[in-house]
Amino acid sequence: MLALRSSCEHCNVPLSPESGEAMICSFECTFCITCVTELLKEVCPNCGGGFEKRPVRPKELLIKYPASTTVVHKPVAIVAHHKTIKA
C-alpha cells in the first residue's frame, strides 16, 4: 500500500493525500510536480526511473489507511543530478 508521503523530498512543499501535485517513482520516492518537471527533468534522483502522478486514496479509506506523517526531506544536488541524466 502506498505510504502517501506528506511532502516533496526536494523542496519540502506539503503534499496532502488528495493532492494532484504529487508525483512518485516505482520505489515511491515522492516529489512535487514542479520539482519533477522543472528540476529533475522527469528522472528520479534516487533510482533513475520515471515518475507518475500519485493516485488519490478515497477519503473513506484514509480513515482506515491514513497517509504517512513521516517527512522525507533530502534536497537533490541538481547540477550533479543533471550530469547523471543520459541525453
PDB file of N, CA and C in Angstrom:
ATOM      1  N   MET A   1       0.840  -1.167   0.000  1.00  0.00           N
ATOM      2  CA  MET A   1       0.000   0.000   0.000  1.00  0.00           C
ATOM      3  C   MET A   1       0.888   1.232   0.000  1.00  0.00           C
ATOM      4  N   LEU A   2       0.519   2.226  -0.785  1.00  0.00           N
ATOM      5  CA  LEU A   2       1.286   3.472  -0.851  1.00  0.00           C
ATOM      6  C   LEU A   2       1.280   4.195   0.487  1.00  0.00           C
ATOM      7  N   ALA A   3       2.425   4.742   0.840  1.00  0.00           N
ATOM      8  CA  ALA A   3       2.532   5.475   2.099  1.00  0.00           C
ATOM      9  C   ALA A   3       1.877   6.852   2.015  1.00  0.00           C
ATOM     10  N   LEU A   4       1.749   7.407   0.818  1.00  0.00           N
ATOM     11  CA  LEU A   4       1.228   8.763   0.627  1.00  0.00           C
ATOM     12  C   LEU A   4       2.037   9.743   1.477  1.00  0.00           C
ATOM     13  N   ARG A   5       3.291   9.854   1.141  1.00  0.00           N
ATOM     14  CA  ARG A   5       4.196  10.736   1.881  1.00  0.00           C
ATOM     15  C   ARG A   5       3.685  12.167   1.864  1.00  0.00           C
ATOM     16  N   SER A   6       4.013  12.879   2.926  1.00  0.00           N
ATOM     17  CA  SER A   6       3.372  14.171   3.175  1.00  0.00           C
ATOM     18  C   SER A   6       4.023  15.390   2.537  1.00  0.00           C
ATOM     19  N   SER A   7       5.184  15.203   1.879  1.00  0.00           N
ATOM     20  CA  SER A   7       5.841  16.368   1.286  1.00  0.00           C
ATOM     21  C   SER A   7       6.805  15.950   0.183  1.00  0.00           C
ATOM     22  N   CYS A   8       7.228  16.952  -0.589  1.00  0.00           N
ATOM     23  CA  CYS A   8       8.219  16.749  -1.649  1.00  0.00           C
ATOM     24  C   CYS A   8       9.579  16.504  -1.011  1.00  0.00           C
ATOM     25  N   GLU A   9      10.267  15.465  -1.472  1.00  0.00           N
ATOM     26  CA  GLU A   9      11.584  15.145  -0.925  1.00  0.00           C
ATOM     27  C   GLU A   9      12.598  16.254  -1.176  1.00  0.00           C
ATOM     28  N   HIS A  10      12.437  17.013  -2.258  1.00  0.00           N
ATOM     29  CA  HIS A  10      13.413  18.053  -2.579  1.00  0.00           C
ATOM     30  C   HIS A  10      13.090  19.381  -1.903  1.00  0.00           C
ATOM     31  N   CYS A  11      11.928  19.950  -2.194  1.00  0.00           N
ATOM     32  CA  CYS A  11      11.627  21.301  -1.711  1.00  0.00           C
ATOM     33  C   CYS A  11      10.798  21.327  -0.430  1.00  0.00           C
ATOM     34  N   ASN A  12      10.329  20.162   0.003  1.00  0.00           N
ATOM     35  CA  ASN A  12       9.576  20.008   1.253  1.00  0.00           C
ATOM     36  C   ASN A  12       8.199  20.673   1.227  1.00  0.00           C
ATOM     37  N   VAL A  13       7.686  21.002   0.057  1.00  0.00           N
ATOM     38  CA  VAL A  13       6.338  21.565  -0.028  1.00  0.00           C
ATOM     39  C   VAL A  13       5.343  20.491   0.434  1.00  0.00           C
ATOM     40  N   PRO A  14       4.341  20.867   1.212  1.00  0.00           N
ATOM     41  CA  PRO A  14       3.349  19.877   1.669  1.00  0.00           C
ATOM     42  C   PRO A  14       2.567  19.271   0.498  1.00  0.00           C
ATOM     43  N   LEU A  15       2.325  17.972   0.582  1.00  0.00           N
ATOM     44  CA  LEU A  15       1.538  17.251  -0.423  1.00  0.00           C
ATOM     45  C   LEU A  15       0.477  16.445   0.320  1.00  0.00           C
ATOM     46  N   SER A  16      -0.715  16.975   0.359  1.00  0.00           N
ATOM     47  CA  SER A  16      -1.809  16.301   1.054  1.00  0.00           C
ATOM     48  C   SER A  16      -2.161  15.005   0.335  1.00  0.00           C
ATOM     49  N   PRO A  17      -2.853  14.090   1.009  1.00  0.00           N
ATOM     50  CA  PRO A  17      -3.230  12.824   0.369  1.00  0.00           C
ATOM     51  C   PRO A  17      -4.056  13.014  -0.904  1.00  0.00           C
ATOM     52  N   GLU A  18      -4.811  14.108  -0.977  1.00  0.00           N
ATOM     53  CA  GLU A  18      -5.646  14.341  -2.162  1.00  0.00           C
ATOM     54  C   GLU A  18      -4.982  15.241  -3.196  1.00  0.00           C
ATOM     55  N   SER A  19      -3.716  15.576  -2.989  1.00  0.00           N
ATOM     56  CA  SER A  19      -3.010  16.487  -3.893  1.00  0.00           C
ATOM     57  C   SER A  19      -2.840  15.905  -5.284  1.00  0.00           C
ATOM     58  N   GLY A  20      -3.129  16.713  -6.265  1.00  0.00           N
ATOM     59  CA  GLY A  20      -2.884  16.347  -7.659  1.00  0.00           C
ATOM     60  C   GLY A  20      -1.484  16.746  -8.091  1.00  0.00           C
ATOM     61  N   GLU A  21      -0.704  17.295  -7.166  1.00  0.00           N
ATOM     62  CA  GLU A  21       0.648  17.770  -7.460  1.00  0.00           C
ATOM     63  C   GLU A  21       1.722  16.751  -7.084  1.00  0.00           C
ATOM     64  N   ALA A  22       1.333  15.641  -6.470  1.00  0.00           N
ATOM     65  CA  ALA A  22       2.303  14.640  -6.009  1.00  0.00           C
ATOM     66  C   ALA A  22       2.657  13.668  -7.133  1.00  0.00           C
ATOM     67  N   MET A  23       3.956  13.440  -7.294  1.00  0.00           N
ATOM     68  CA  MET A  23       4.466  12.505  -8.289  1.00  0.00           C
ATOM     69  C   MET A  23       5.308  11.461  -7.555  1.00  0.00           C
ATOM     70  N   ILE A  24       5.247  10.200  -8.022  1.00  0.00           N
ATOM     71  CA  ILE A  24       6.027   9.129  -7.403  1.00  0.00           C
ATOM     72  C   ILE A  24       6.734   8.304  -8.477  1.00  0.00           C
ATOM     73  N   CYS A  25       7.844   7.675  -8.074  1.00  0.00           N
ATOM     74  CA  CYS A  25       8.520   6.717  -8.946  1.00  0.00           C
ATOM     75  C   CYS A  25       8.090   5.314  -8.511  1.00  0.00           C
ATOM     76  N   SER A  26       8.670   4.291  -9.105  1.00  0.00           N
ATOM     77  CA  SER A  26       8.264   2.923  -8.761  1.00  0.00           C
ATOM     78  C   SER A  26       8.694   2.513  -7.359  1.00  0.00           C
ATOM     79  N   PHE A  27       9.608   3.272  -6.736  1.00  0.00           N
ATOM     80  CA  PHE A  27      10.015   2.998  -5.362  1.00  0.00           C
ATOM     81  C   PHE A  27       9.305   3.917  -4.380  1.00  0.00           C
ATOM     82  N   GLU A  28       8.362   4.692  -4.872  1.00  0.00           N
ATOM     83  CA  GLU A  28       7.539   5.612  -4.085  1.00  0.00           C
ATOM     84  C   GLU A  28       8.292   6.839  -3.595  1.00  0.00           C
ATOM     85  N   CYS A  29       9.420   7.159  -4.234  1.00  0.00           N
ATOM     86  CA  CYS A  29      10.057   8.444  -3.957  1.00  0.00           C
ATOM     87  C   CYS A  29       9.019   9.488  -4.345  1.00  0.00           C
ATOM     88  N   THR A  30       8.843  10.510  -3.530  1.00  0.00           N
ATOM     89  CA  THR A  30       7.750  11.458  -3.719  1.00  0.00           C
ATOM     90  C   THR A  30       8.280  12.877  -3.911  1.00  0.00           C
ATOM     91  N   PHE A  31       7.862  13.493  -5.007  1.00  0.00           N
ATOM     92  CA  PHE A  31       8.259  14.856  -5.325  1.00  0.00           C
ATOM     93  C   PHE A  31       7.043  15.608  -5.853  1.00  0.00           C
ATOM     94  N   CYS A  32       7.089  16.935  -5.752  1.00  0.00           N
ATOM     95  CA  CYS A  32       6.003  17.738  -6.327  1.00  0.00           C
ATOM     96  C   CYS A  32       6.201  17.822  -7.838  1.00  0.00           C
ATOM     97  N   ILE A  33       5.140  18.109  -8.539  1.00  0.00           N
ATOM     98  CA  ILE A  33       5.188  18.154  -9.997  1.00  0.00           C
ATOM     99  C   ILE A  33       6.143  19.233 -10.498  1.00  0.00           C
ATOM    100  N   THR A  34       6.279  20.325  -9.766  1.00  0.00           N
ATOM    101  CA  THR A  34       7.199  21.393 -10.177  1.00  0.00           C
ATOM    102  C   THR A  34       8.642  20.905 -10.145  1.00  0.00           C
ATOM    103  N   CYS A  35       9.036  20.256  -9.069  1.00  0.00           N
ATOM    104  CA  CYS A  35      10.405  19.729  -8.981  1.00  0.00           C
ATOM    105  C   CYS A  35      10.646  18.660 -10.047  1.00  0.00           C
ATOM    106  N   VAL A  36       9.665  17.789 -10.261  1.00  0.00           N
ATOM    107  CA  VAL A  36       9.816  16.713 -11.245  1.00  0.00           C
ATOM    108  C   VAL A  36      10.031  17.275 -12.648  1.00  0.00           C
ATOM    109  N   THR A  37       9.205  18.229 -13.038  1.00  0.00           N
ATOM    110  CA  THR A  37       9.279  18.727 -14.420  1.00  0.00           C
ATOM    111  C   THR A  37      10.378  19.757 -14.631  1.00  0.00           C
ATOM    112  N   GLU A  38      10.548  20.669 -13.677  1.00  0.00           N
ATOM    113  CA  GLU A  38      11.482  21.771 -13.886  1.00  0.00           C
ATOM    114  C   GLU A  38      12.903  21.480 -13.420  1.00  0.00           C
ATOM    115  N   LEU A  39      13.068  20.733 -12.349  1.00  0.00           N
ATOM    116  CA  LEU A  39      14.403  20.497 -11.806  1.00  0.00           C
ATOM    117  C   LEU A  39      14.947  19.100 -12.094  1.00  0.00           C
ATOM    118  N   LEU A  40      14.118  18.096 -11.903  1.00  0.00           N
ATOM    119  CA  LEU A  40      14.581  16.716 -12.028  1.00  0.00           C
ATOM    120  C   LEU A  40      14.502  16.182 -13.452  1.00  0.00           C
ATOM    121  N   LYS A  41      13.840  16.924 -14.327  1.00  0.00           N
ATOM    122  CA  LYS A  41      13.711  16.542 -15.748  1.00  0.00           C
ATOM    123  C   LYS A  41      13.108  15.152 -15.918  1.00  0.00           C
ATOM    124  N   GLU A  42      12.108  14.850 -15.052  1.00  0.00           N
ATOM    125  CA  GLU A  42      11.328  13.602 -15.125  1.00  0.00           C
ATOM    126  C   GLU A  42      12.135  12.349 -14.773  1.00  0.00           C
ATOM    127  N   VAL A  43      13.298  12.493 -14.138  1.00  0.00           N
ATOM    128  CA  VAL A  43      14.142  11.347 -13.767  1.00  0.00           C
ATOM    129  C   VAL A  43      14.332  11.351 -12.254  1.00  0.00           C
ATOM    130  N   CYS A  44      14.009  10.247 -11.606  1.00  0.00           N
ATOM    131  CA  CYS A  44      14.154  10.153 -10.159  1.00  0.00           C
ATOM    132  C   CYS A  44      15.634  10.170  -9.773  1.00  0.00           C
ATOM    133  N   PRO A  45      16.022  11.073  -8.884  1.00  0.00           N
ATOM    134  CA  PRO A  45      17.423  11.144  -8.489  1.00  0.00           C
ATOM    135  C   PRO A  45      17.861   9.978  -7.601  1.00  0.00           C
ATOM    136  N   ASN A  46      16.917   9.235  -7.064  1.00  0.00           N
ATOM    137  CA  ASN A  46      17.236   8.117  -6.177  1.00  0.00           C
ATOM    138  C   ASN A  46      17.417   6.804  -6.931  1.00  0.00           C
ATOM    139  N   CYS A  47      16.558   6.548  -7.921  1.00  0.00           N
ATOM    140  CA  CYS A  47      16.615   5.261  -8.613  1.00  0.00           C
ATOM    141  C   CYS A  47      16.830   5.369 -10.123  1.00  0.00           C
ATOM    142  N   GLY A  48      16.707   6.584 -10.674  1.00  0.00           N
ATOM    143  CA  GLY A  48      16.901   6.757 -12.113  1.00  0.00           C
ATOM    144  C   GLY A  48      15.672   6.456 -12.941  1.00  0.00           C
ATOM    145  N   GLY A  49      14.577   6.097 -12.297  1.00  0.00           N
ATOM    146  CA  GLY A  49      13.339   5.791 -13.010  1.00  0.00           C
ATOM    147  C   GLY A  49      12.521   7.039 -13.313  1.00  0.00           C
ATOM    148  N   GLY A  50      11.380   6.813 -13.929  1.00  0.00           N
ATOM    149  CA  GLY A  50      10.476   7.904 -14.271  1.00  0.00           C
ATOM    150  C   GLY A  50       9.443   8.123 -13.182  1.00  0.00           C
ATOM    151  N   PHE A  51       8.576   9.086 -13.407  1.00  0.00           N
ATOM    152  CA  PHE A  51       7.543   9.446 -12.448  1.00  0.00           C
ATOM    153  C   PHE A  51       6.156   9.298 -13.039  1.00  0.00           C
ATOM    154  N   GLU A  52       5.196   9.070 -12.165  1.00  0.00           N
ATOM    155  CA  GLU A  52       3.775   9.054 -12.495  1.00  0.00           C
ATOM    156  C   GLU A  52       3.044   9.866 -11.441  1.00  0.00           C
ATOM    157  N   LYS A  53       1.872  10.343 -11.792  1.00  0.00           N
ATOM    158  CA  LYS A  53       1.040  11.055 -10.823  1.00  0.00           C
ATOM    159  C   LYS A  53       0.643  10.073  -9.727  1.00  0.00           C
ATOM    160  N   ARG A  54       0.763  10.517  -8.475  1.00  0.00           N
ATOM    161  CA  ARG A  54       0.397   9.642  -7.358  1.00  0.00           C
ATOM    162  C   ARG A  54      -1.120   9.515  -7.292  1.00  0.00           C
ATOM    163  N   PRO A  55      -1.634   8.298  -7.167  1.00  0.00           N
ATOM    164  CA  PRO A  55      -3.082   8.120  -7.060  1.00  0.00           C
ATOM    165  C   PRO A  55      -3.628   8.736  -5.769  1.00  0.00           C
ATOM    166  N   VAL A  56      -4.876   9.080  -5.795  1.00  0.00           N
ATOM    167  CA  VAL A  56      -5.547   9.640  -4.622  1.00  0.00           C
ATOM    168  C   VAL A  56      -6.312   8.525  -3.928  1.00  0.00           C
ATOM    169  N   ARG A  57      -6.103   8.392  -2.626  1.00  0.00           N
ATOM    170  CA  ARG A  57      -6.822   7.394  -1.841  1.00  0.00           C
ATOM    171  C   ARG A  57      -8.173   7.994  -1.445  1.00  0.00           C
ATOM    172  N   PRO A  58      -9.265   7.272  -1.659  1.00  0.00           N
ATOM    173  CA  PRO A  58     -10.585   7.786  -1.270  1.00  0.00           C
ATOM    174  C   PRO A  58     -10.623   8.162   0.206  1.00  0.00           C
ATOM    175  N   LYS A  59     -11.325   9.248   0.506  1.00  0.00           N
ATOM    176  CA  LYS A  59     -11.375   9.766   1.883  1.00  0.00           C
ATOM    177  C   LYS A  59     -11.829   8.725   2.893  1.00  0.00           C
ATOM    178  N   GLU A  60     -12.788   7.880   2.529  1.00  0.00           N
ATOM    179  CA  GLU A  60     -13.274   6.880   3.480  1.00  0.00           C
ATOM    180  C   GLU A  60     -12.194   5.840   3.805  1.00  0.00           C
ATOM    181  N   LEU A  61     -11.255   5.616   2.890  1.00  0.00           N
ATOM    182  CA  LEU A  61     -10.163   4.682   3.163  1.00  0.00           C
ATOM    183  C   LEU A  61      -9.012   5.334   3.923  1.00  0.00           C
ATOM    184  N   LEU A  62      -8.921   6.665   3.863  1.00  0.00           N
ATOM    185  CA  LEU A  62      -7.879   7.361   4.629  1.00  0.00           C
ATOM    186  C   LEU A  62      -8.084   7.195   6.126  1.00  0.00           C
ATOM    187  N   ILE A  63      -9.312   6.966   6.542  1.00  0.00           N
ATOM    188  CA  ILE A  63      -9.588   6.741   7.963  1.00  0.00           C
ATOM    189  C   ILE A  63      -8.951   5.426   8.410  1.00  0.00           C
ATOM    190  N   LYS A  64      -9.131   4.388   7.619  1.00  0.00           N
ATOM    191  CA  LYS A  64      -8.584   3.074   7.953  1.00  0.00           C
ATOM    192  C   LYS A  64      -7.100   2.962   7.601  1.00  0.00           C
ATOM    193  N   TYR A  65      -6.708   3.604   6.492  1.00  0.00           N
ATOM    194  CA  TYR A  65      -5.335   3.547   5.999  1.00  0.00           C
ATOM    195  C   TYR A  65      -4.811   4.971   5.821  1.00  0.00           C
ATOM    196  N   PRO A  66      -4.421   5.621   6.914  1.00  0.00           N
ATOM    197  CA  PRO A  66      -4.012   7.030   6.833  1.00  0.00           C
ATOM    198  C   PRO A  66      -2.696   7.231   6.069  1.00  0.00           C
ATOM    199  N   ALA A  67      -2.531   8.452   5.587  1.00  0.00           N
ATOM    200  CA  ALA A  67      -1.295   8.826   4.907  1.00  0.00           C
ATOM    201  C   ALA A  67      -0.160   8.893   5.920  1.00  0.00           C
ATOM    202  N   SER A  68       1.045   8.730   5.431  1.00  0.00           N
ATOM    203  CA  SER A  68       2.226   8.811   6.287  1.00  0.00           C
ATOM    204  C   SER A  68       2.395  10.228   6.820  1.00  0.00           C
ATOM    205  N   THR A  69       2.897  10.326   8.029  1.00  0.00           N
ATOM    206  CA  THR A  69       3.228  11.630   8.603  1.00  0.00           C
ATOM    207  C   THR A  69       4.743  11.819   8.670  1.00  0.00           C
ATOM    208  N   THR A  70       5.485  10.817   8.241  1.00  0.00           N
ATOM    209  CA  THR A  70       6.940  10.889   8.232  1.00  0.00           C
ATOM    210  C   THR A  70       7.404  11.772   7.079  1.00  0.00           C
ATOM    211  N   VAL A  71       8.225  12.753   7.385  1.00  0.00           N
ATOM    212  CA  VAL A  71       8.759  13.651   6.363  1.00  0.00           C
ATOM    213  C   VAL A  71      10.091  13.109   5.868  1.00  0.00           C
ATOM    214  N   VAL A  72      10.197  12.959   4.549  1.00  0.00           N
ATOM    215  CA  VAL A  72      11.448  12.562   3.908  1.00  0.00           C
ATOM    216  C   VAL A  72      11.928  13.787   3.148  1.00  0.00           C
ATOM    217  N   HIS A  73      12.915  14.481   3.697  1.00  0.00           N
ATOM    218  CA  HIS A  73      13.420  15.702   3.064  1.00  0.00           C
ATOM    219  C   HIS A  73      14.893  15.508   2.763  1.00  0.00           C
ATOM    220  N   LYS A  74      15.189  15.239   1.483  1.00  0.00           N
ATOM    221  CA  LYS A  74      16.558  15.012   1.023  1.00  0.00           C
ATOM    222  C   LYS A  74      16.778  15.863  -0.225  1.00  0.00           C
ATOM    223  N   PRO A  75      17.070  17.155  -0.067  1.00  0.00           N
ATOM    224  CA  PRO A  75      17.259  18.010  -1.235  1.00  0.00           C
ATOM    225  C   PRO A  75      18.274  17.409  -2.210  1.00  0.00           C
ATOM    226  N   VAL A  76      17.952  17.515  -3.483  1.00  0.00           N
ATOM    227  CA  VAL A  76      18.766  16.929  -4.548  1.00  0.00           C
ATOM    228  C   VAL A  76      19.851  17.918  -4.972  1.00  0.00           C
ATOM    229  N   ALA A  77      21.039  17.424  -5.193  1.00  0.00           N
ATOM    230  CA  ALA A  77      22.117  18.229  -5.785  1.00  0.00           C
ATOM    231  C   ALA A  77      21.814  18.290  -7.287  1.00  0.00           C
ATOM    232  N   ILE A  78      21.139  19.326  -7.694  1.00  0.00           N
ATOM    233  CA  ILE A  78      20.595  19.411  -9.052  1.00  0.00           C
ATOM    234  C   ILE A  78      21.676  19.328 -10.129  1.00  0.00           C
ATOM    235  N   VAL A  79      22.775  20.050  -9.990  1.00  0.00           N
ATOM    236  CA  VAL A  79      23.834  20.025 -11.009  1.00  0.00           C
ATOM    237  C   VAL A  79      24.372  18.601 -11.171  1.00  0.00           C
ATOM    238  N   ALA A  80      24.642  17.931 -10.065  1.00  0.00           N
ATOM    239  CA  ALA A  80      25.130  16.550 -10.118  1.00  0.00           C
ATOM    240  C   ALA A  80      24.076  15.623 -10.730  1.00  0.00           C
ATOM    241  N   HIS A  81      22.805  15.853 -10.387  1.00  0.00           N
ATOM    242  CA  HIS A  81      21.723  15.031 -10.936  1.00  0.00           C
ATOM    243  C   HIS A  81      21.664  15.175 -12.457  1.00  0.00           C
ATOM    244  N   HIS A  82      21.761  16.401 -12.956  1.00  0.00           N
ATOM    245  CA  HIS A  82      21.696  16.622 -14.407  1.00  0.00           C
ATOM    246  C   HIS A  82      22.843  15.926 -15.129  1.00  0.00           C
ATOM    247  N   LYS A  83      23.997  15.809 -14.486  1.00  0.00           N
ATOM    248  CA  LYS A  83      25.127  15.130 -15.100  1.00  0.00           C
ATOM    249  C   LYS A  83      24.908  13.635 -15.234  1.00  0.00           C
ATOM    250  N   THR A  84      24.029  13.066 -14.387  1.00  0.00           N
ATOM    251  CA  THR A  84      23.753  11.628 -14.439  1.00  0.00           C
ATOM    252  C   THR A  84      22.667  11.265 -15.432  1.00  0.00           C
ATOM    253  N   ILE A  85      21.910  12.258 -15.884  1.00  0.00           N
ATOM    254  CA  ILE A  85      20.830  12.002 -16.834  1.00  0.00           C
ATOM    255  C   ILE A  85      21.424  11.780 -18.216  1.00  0.00           C
ATOM    256  N   LYS A  86      21.050  10.670 -18.835  1.00  0.00           N
ATOM    257  CA  LYS A  86      21.535  10.356 -20.178  1.00  0.00           C
ATOM    258  C   LYS A  86      20.819  11.240 -21.187  1.00  0.00           C
ATOM    259  N   ALA A  87      21.563  11.842 -22.047  1.00  0.00           N
ATOM    260  CA  ALA A  87      20.997  12.733 -23.065  1.00  0.00           C
ATOM    261  C   ALA A  87      20.395  11.973 -24.208  1.00  0.00           C
TER     262      ALA A  87
END
